[in-house]
Amino acid sequence: KYKTLMQEKSDFVMTLAVKGMIPD
């Protein structure tokens, strides 16, 4: 769940969100 992910690795969540918005 994003609740536990935000508590443990919030920098990874942000990187994942940015990665989804640039071309593959």
PDB file of all heavy atoms in Angstrom:
ATOM      1  N   LYS A   1       0.843  -1.196   0.000  1.00  0.00           N
ATOM      2  CA  LYS A   1       0.000   0.000   0.000  1.00  0.00           C
ATOM      3  C   LYS A   1       0.877   1.244   0.000  1.00  0.00           C
ATOM      4  O   LYS A   1       1.981   1.243   0.528  1.00  0.00           O
ATOM      5  CB  LYS A   1      -0.904   0.029   1.234  1.00  0.00           C
ATOM      6  CG  LYS A   1      -2.066  -0.910   1.153  1.00  0.00           C
ATOM      7  CD  LYS A   1      -3.021  -0.664   2.293  1.00  0.00           C
ATOM      8  CE  LYS A   1      -4.218  -1.574   2.151  1.00  0.00           C
ATOM      9  NZ  LYS A   1      -5.186  -1.346   3.204  1.00  0.00           N
ATOM     10  N   TYR A   2       0.348   2.307  -0.585  1.00  0.00           N
ATOM     11  CA  TYR A   2       1.116   3.542  -0.660  1.00  0.00           C
ATOM     12  C   TYR A   2       1.332   4.168   0.719  1.00  0.00           C
ATOM     13  O   TYR A   2       2.262   4.936   0.897  1.00  0.00           O
ATOM     14  CB  TYR A   2       0.427   4.536  -1.603  1.00  0.00           C
ATOM     15  CG  TYR A   2       1.064   4.545  -2.974  1.00  0.00           C
ATOM     16  CD1 TYR A   2       0.974   3.444  -3.814  1.00  0.00           C
ATOM     17  CD2 TYR A   2       1.769   5.634  -3.412  1.00  0.00           C
ATOM     18  CE1 TYR A   2       1.557   3.451  -5.059  1.00  0.00           C
ATOM     19  CE2 TYR A   2       2.366   5.656  -4.660  1.00  0.00           C
ATOM     20  CZ  TYR A   2       2.254   4.556  -5.480  1.00  0.00           C
ATOM     21  OH  TYR A   2       2.860   4.570  -6.710  1.00  0.00           O
ATOM     22  N   LYS A   3       0.493   3.832   1.688  1.00  0.00           N
ATOM     23  CA  LYS A   3       0.679   4.380   3.036  1.00  0.00           C
ATOM     24  C   LYS A   3       2.006   3.907   3.622  1.00  0.00           C
ATOM     25  O   LYS A   3       2.787   4.705   4.138  1.00  0.00           O
ATOM     26  CB  LYS A   3      -0.486   3.958   3.930  1.00  0.00           C
ATOM     27  CG  LYS A   3      -0.423   4.554   5.305  1.00  0.00           C
ATOM     28  CD  LYS A   3      -1.666   4.228   6.092  1.00  0.00           C
ATOM     29  CE  LYS A   3      -1.649   4.970   7.403  1.00  0.00           C
ATOM     30  NZ  LYS A   3      -2.900   4.818   8.130  1.00  0.00           N
ATOM     31  N   THR A   4       2.291   2.612   3.514  1.00  0.00           N
ATOM     32  CA  THR A   4       3.551   2.095   4.034  1.00  0.00           C
ATOM     33  C   THR A   4       4.716   2.505   3.143  1.00  0.00           C
ATOM     34  O   THR A   4       5.816   2.771   3.638  1.00  0.00           O
ATOM     35  CB  THR A   4       3.515   0.564   4.148  1.00  0.00           C
ATOM     36  OG1 THR A   4       3.238   0.003   2.864  1.00  0.00           O
ATOM     37  CG2 THR A   4       2.454   0.118   5.129  1.00  0.00           C
ATOM     38  N   LEU A   5       4.476   2.596   1.849  1.00  0.00           N
ATOM     39  CA  LEU A   5       5.530   2.994   0.927  1.00  0.00           C
ATOM     40  C   LEU A   5       5.940   4.439   1.158  1.00  0.00           C
ATOM     41  O   LEU A   5       7.125   4.777   1.095  1.00  0.00           O
ATOM     42  CB  LEU A   5       5.047   2.794  -0.507  1.00  0.00           C
ATOM     43  CG  LEU A   5       6.093   2.598  -1.581  1.00  0.00           C
ATOM     44  CD1 LEU A   5       6.959   1.393  -1.274  1.00  0.00           C
ATOM     45  CD2 LEU A   5       5.439   2.430  -2.931  1.00  0.00           C
ATOM     46  N   MET A   6       4.981   5.311   1.449  1.00  0.00           N
ATOM     47  CA  MET A   6       5.284   6.719   1.710  1.00  0.00           C
ATOM     48  C   MET A   6       6.042   6.881   3.020  1.00  0.00           C
ATOM     49  O   MET A   6       6.864   7.779   3.158  1.00  0.00           O
ATOM     50  CB  MET A   6       4.007   7.558   1.748  1.00  0.00           C
ATOM     51  CG  MET A   6       3.393   7.809   0.398  1.00  0.00           C
ATOM     52  SD  MET A   6       4.438   8.755  -0.693  1.00  0.00           S
ATOM     53  CE  MET A   6       4.477  10.306   0.131  1.00  0.00           C
ATOM     54  N   GLN A   7       5.778   6.043   4.006  1.00  0.00           N
ATOM     55  CA  GLN A   7       6.487   6.128   5.279  1.00  0.00           C
ATOM     56  C   GLN A   7       7.919   5.630   5.155  1.00  0.00           C
ATOM     57  O   GLN A   7       8.829   6.172   5.777  1.00  0.00           O
ATOM     58  CB  GLN A   7       5.751   5.319   6.346  1.00  0.00           C
ATOM     59  CG  GLN A   7       4.435   5.925   6.748  1.00  0.00           C
ATOM     60  CD  GLN A   7       3.625   4.984   7.618  1.00  0.00           C
ATOM     61  OE1 GLN A   7       3.983   3.823   7.801  1.00  0.00           O
ATOM     62  NE2 GLN A   7       2.512   5.483   8.138  1.00  0.00           N
ATOM     63  N   GLU A   8       8.129   4.598   4.347  1.00  0.00           N
ATOM     64  CA  GLU A   8       9.452   3.985   4.258  1.00  0.00           C
ATOM     65  C   GLU A   8      10.317   4.563   3.142  1.00  0.00           C
ATOM     66  O   GLU A   8      11.486   4.852   3.349  1.00  0.00           O
ATOM     67  CB  GLU A   8       9.297   2.468   4.062  1.00  0.00           C
ATOM     68  CG  GLU A   8       8.640   1.789   5.239  1.00  0.00           C
ATOM     69  CD  GLU A   8       8.259   0.355   4.931  1.00  0.00           C
ATOM     70  OE1 GLU A   8       8.612  -0.138   3.835  1.00  0.00           O
ATOM     71  OE2 GLU A   8       7.617  -0.267   5.779  1.00  0.00           O
ATOM     72  N   LYS A   9       9.748   4.696   1.928  1.00  0.00           N
ATOM     73  CA  LYS A   9      10.537   5.116   0.762  1.00  0.00           C
ATOM     74  C   LYS A   9       9.793   6.176  -0.043  1.00  0.00           C
ATOM     75  O   LYS A   9       9.381   5.929  -1.175  1.00  0.00           O
ATOM     76  CB  LYS A   9      10.821   3.913  -0.139  1.00  0.00           C
ATOM     77  CG  LYS A   9      11.658   2.842   0.495  1.00  0.00           C
ATOM     78  CD  LYS A   9      12.116   1.831  -0.527  1.00  0.00           C
ATOM     79  CE  LYS A   9      11.082   0.748  -0.697  1.00  0.00           C
ATOM     80  NZ  LYS A   9      11.532  -0.330  -1.577  1.00  0.00           N
ATOM     81  N   SER A  10       9.635   7.361   0.524  1.00  0.00           N
ATOM     82  CA  SER A  10       8.901   8.405  -0.190  1.00  0.00           C
ATOM     83  C   SER A  10       9.691   8.928  -1.390  1.00  0.00           C
ATOM     84  O   SER A  10       9.096   9.399  -2.366  1.00  0.00           O
ATOM     85  CB  SER A  10       8.557   9.552   0.751  1.00  0.00           C
ATOM     86  OG  SER A  10       9.727  10.169   1.237  1.00  0.00           O
ATOM     87  N   ASP A  11      11.020   8.836  -1.348  1.00  0.00           N
ATOM     88  CA  ASP A  11      11.812   9.265  -2.497  1.00  0.00           C
ATOM     89  C   ASP A  11      11.624   8.321  -3.682  1.00  0.00           C
ATOM     90  O   ASP A  11      11.592   8.755  -4.833  1.00  0.00           O
ATOM     91  CB  ASP A  11      13.287   9.380  -2.120  1.00  0.00           C
ATOM     92  CG  ASP A  11      13.819   8.148  -1.413  1.00  0.00           C
ATOM     93  OD1 ASP A  11      13.006   7.317  -0.951  1.00  0.00           O
ATOM     94  OD2 ASP A  11      15.046   8.007  -1.312  1.00  0.00           O
ATOM     95  N   PHE A  12      11.431   7.030  -3.414  1.00  0.00           N
ATOM     96  CA  PHE A  12      11.168   6.067  -4.469  1.00  0.00           C
ATOM     97  C   PHE A  12       9.812   6.323  -5.114  1.00  0.00           C
ATOM     98  O   PHE A  12       9.662   6.198  -6.333  1.00  0.00           O
ATOM     99  CB  PHE A  12      11.235   4.643  -3.903  1.00  0.00           C
ATOM    100  CG  PHE A  12      10.804   3.580  -4.872  1.00  0.00           C
ATOM    101  CD1 PHE A  12      11.614   3.239  -5.942  1.00  0.00           C
ATOM    102  CD2 PHE A  12       9.597   2.926  -4.724  1.00  0.00           C
ATOM    103  CE1 PHE A  12      11.220   2.269  -6.843  1.00  0.00           C
ATOM    104  CE2 PHE A  12       9.191   1.957  -5.617  1.00  0.00           C
ATOM    105  CZ  PHE A  12      10.009   1.623  -6.678  1.00  0.00           C
ATOM    106  N   VAL A  13       8.815   6.697  -4.297  1.00  0.00           N
ATOM    107  CA  VAL A  13       7.475   6.990  -4.815  1.00  0.00           C
ATOM    108  C   VAL A  13       7.529   8.173  -5.771  1.00  0.00           C
ATOM    109  O   VAL A  13       6.913   8.160  -6.841  1.00  0.00           O
ATOM    110  CB  VAL A  13       6.490   7.254  -3.653  1.00  0.00           C
ATOM    111  CG1 VAL A  13       5.148   7.736  -4.169  1.00  0.00           C
ATOM    112  CG2 VAL A  13       6.308   6.007  -2.815  1.00  0.00           C
ATOM    113  N   MET A  14       8.282   9.202  -5.398  1.00  0.00           N
ATOM    114  CA  MET A  14       8.397  10.382  -6.260  1.00  0.00           C
ATOM    115  C   MET A  14       9.123  10.042  -7.561  1.00  0.00           C
ATOM    116  O   MET A  14       8.708  10.460  -8.641  1.00  0.00           O
ATOM    117  CB  MET A  14       9.125  11.505  -5.525  1.00  0.00           C
ATOM    118  CG  MET A  14       9.219  12.776  -6.311  1.00  0.00           C
ATOM    119  SD  MET A  14       7.639  13.507  -6.743  1.00  0.00           S
ATOM    120  CE  MET A  14       7.152  14.161  -5.172  1.00  0.00           C
ATOM    121  N   THR A  15      10.178   9.269  -7.479  1.00  0.00           N
ATOM    122  CA  THR A  15      10.906   8.855  -8.675  1.00  0.00           C
ATOM    123  C   THR A  15      10.014   8.035  -9.592  1.00  0.00           C
ATOM    124  O   THR A  15      10.050   8.193 -10.817  1.00  0.00           O
ATOM    125  CB  THR A  15      12.158   8.048  -8.292  1.00  0.00           C
ATOM    126  OG1 THR A  15      12.934   8.802  -7.372  1.00  0.00           O
ATOM    127  CG2 THR A  15      12.993   7.708  -9.500  1.00  0.00           C
ATOM    128  N   LEU A  16       9.203   7.172  -9.015  1.00  0.00           N
ATOM    129  CA  LEU A  16       8.287   6.344  -9.786  1.00  0.00           C
ATOM    130  C   LEU A  16       7.237   7.194 -10.494  1.00  0.00           C
ATOM    131  O   LEU A  16       6.895   6.947 -11.657  1.00  0.00           O
ATOM    132  CB  LEU A  16       7.611   5.341  -8.852  1.00  0.00           C
ATOM    133  CG  LEU A  16       6.914   4.149  -9.463  1.00  0.00           C
ATOM    134  CD1 LEU A  16       7.948   3.254 -10.118  1.00  0.00           C
ATOM    135  CD2 LEU A  16       6.151   3.393  -8.404  1.00  0.00           C
ATOM    136  N   ALA A  17       6.743   8.234  -9.813  1.00  0.00           N
ATOM    137  CA  ALA A  17       5.745   9.118 -10.414  1.00  0.00           C
ATOM    138  C   ALA A  17       6.345   9.919 -11.572  1.00  0.00           C
ATOM    139  O   ALA A  17       5.704  10.088 -12.614  1.00  0.00           O
ATOM    140  CB  ALA A  17       5.179  10.065  -9.357  1.00  0.00           C
ATOM    141  N   VAL A  18       7.568  10.398 -11.398  1.00  0.00           N
ATOM    142  CA  VAL A  18       8.228  11.158 -12.471  1.00  0.00           C
ATOM    143  C   VAL A  18       8.550  10.233 -13.644  1.00  0.00           C
ATOM    144  O   VAL A  18       8.384  10.603 -14.807  1.00  0.00           O
ATOM    145  CB  VAL A  18       9.499  11.845 -11.944  1.00  0.00           C
ATOM    146  CG1 VAL A  18      10.282  12.482 -13.074  1.00  0.00           C
ATOM    147  CG2 VAL A  18       9.148  12.887 -10.902  1.00  0.00           C
ATOM    148  N   LYS A  19       8.977   9.015 -13.336  1.00  0.00           N
ATOM    149  CA  LYS A  19       9.321   8.055 -14.383  1.00  0.00           C
ATOM    150  C   LYS A  19       8.114   7.730 -15.259  1.00  0.00           C
ATOM    151  O   LYS A  19       8.252   7.530 -16.468  1.00  0.00           O
ATOM    152  CB  LYS A  19       9.854   6.774 -13.744  1.00  0.00           C
ATOM    153  CG  LYS A  19      10.282   5.727 -14.739  1.00  0.00           C
ATOM    154  CD  LYS A  19      10.791   4.487 -14.042  1.00  0.00           C
ATOM    155  CE  LYS A  19      11.163   3.438 -15.060  1.00  0.00           C
ATOM    156  NZ  LYS A  19      11.603   2.195 -14.414  1.00  0.00           N
ATOM    157  N   GLY A  20       6.937   7.709 -14.666  1.00  0.00           N
ATOM    158  CA  GLY A  20       5.730   7.430 -15.434  1.00  0.00           C
ATOM    159  C   GLY A  20       5.312   8.562 -16.345  1.00  0.00           C
ATOM    160  O   GLY A  20       4.443   8.387 -17.201  1.00  0.00           O
ATOM    161  N   MET A  21       5.907   9.734 -16.181  1.00  0.00           N
ATOM    162  CA  MET A  21       5.510  10.901 -16.973  1.00  0.00           C
ATOM    163  C   MET A  21       6.526  11.291 -18.037  1.00  0.00           C
ATOM    164  O   MET A  21       6.337  12.298 -18.718  1.00  0.00           O
ATOM    165  CB  MET A  21       5.260  12.079 -16.040  1.00  0.00           C
ATOM    166  CG  MET A  21       4.097  11.837 -15.139  1.00  0.00           C
ATOM    167  SD  MET A  21       3.750  13.216 -14.116  1.00  0.00           S
ATOM    168  CE  MET A  21       2.494  12.518 -13.065  1.00  0.00           C
ATOM    169  N   ILE A  22       7.591  10.528 -18.173  1.00  0.00           N
ATOM    170  CA  ILE A  22       8.535  10.779 -19.259  1.00  0.00           C
ATOM    171  C   ILE A  22       8.479   9.591 -20.223  1.00  0.00           C
ATOM    172  O   ILE A  22       8.006   8.513 -19.860  1.00  0.00           O
ATOM    173  CB  ILE A  22       9.974  11.011 -18.733  1.00  0.00           C
ATOM    174  CG1 ILE A  22      10.478   9.807 -17.965  1.00  0.00           C
ATOM    175  CG2 ILE A  22      10.059  12.251 -17.887  1.00  0.00           C
ATOM    176  CD1 ILE A  22      11.938   9.907 -17.600  1.00  0.00           C
ATOM    177  N   PRO A  23       8.933   9.750 -21.455  1.00  0.00           N
ATOM    178  CA  PRO A  23       8.815   8.664 -22.443  1.00  0.00           C
ATOM    179  C   PRO A  23       9.614   7.425 -22.057  1.00  0.00           C
ATOM    180  O   PRO A  23      10.660   7.509 -21.415  1.00  0.00           O
ATOM    181  CB  PRO A  23       9.394   9.283 -23.721  1.00  0.00           C
ATOM    182  CG  PRO A  23       9.429  10.729 -23.497  1.00  0.00           C
ATOM    183  CD  PRO A  23       9.491  10.967 -22.033  1.00  0.00           C
ATOM    184  N   ASP A  24       9.112   6.265 -22.476  1.00  0.00           N
ATOM    185  CA  ASP A  24       9.786   4.992 -22.222  1.00  0.00           C
ATOM    186  C   ASP A  24      10.758   4.691 -23.359  1.00  0.00           C
ATOM    187  O   ASP A  24      10.644   3.682 -24.054  1.00  0.00           O
ATOM    188  CB  ASP A  24       8.771   3.864 -22.094  1.00  0.00           C
ATOM    189  CG  ASP A  24       7.873   4.035 -20.894  1.00  0.00           C
ATOM    190  OD1 ASP A  24       8.338   4.610 -19.901  1.00  0.00           O
ATOM    191  OD2 ASP A  24       6.704   3.608 -20.951  1.00  0.00           O
TER     192      ASP A  24
END
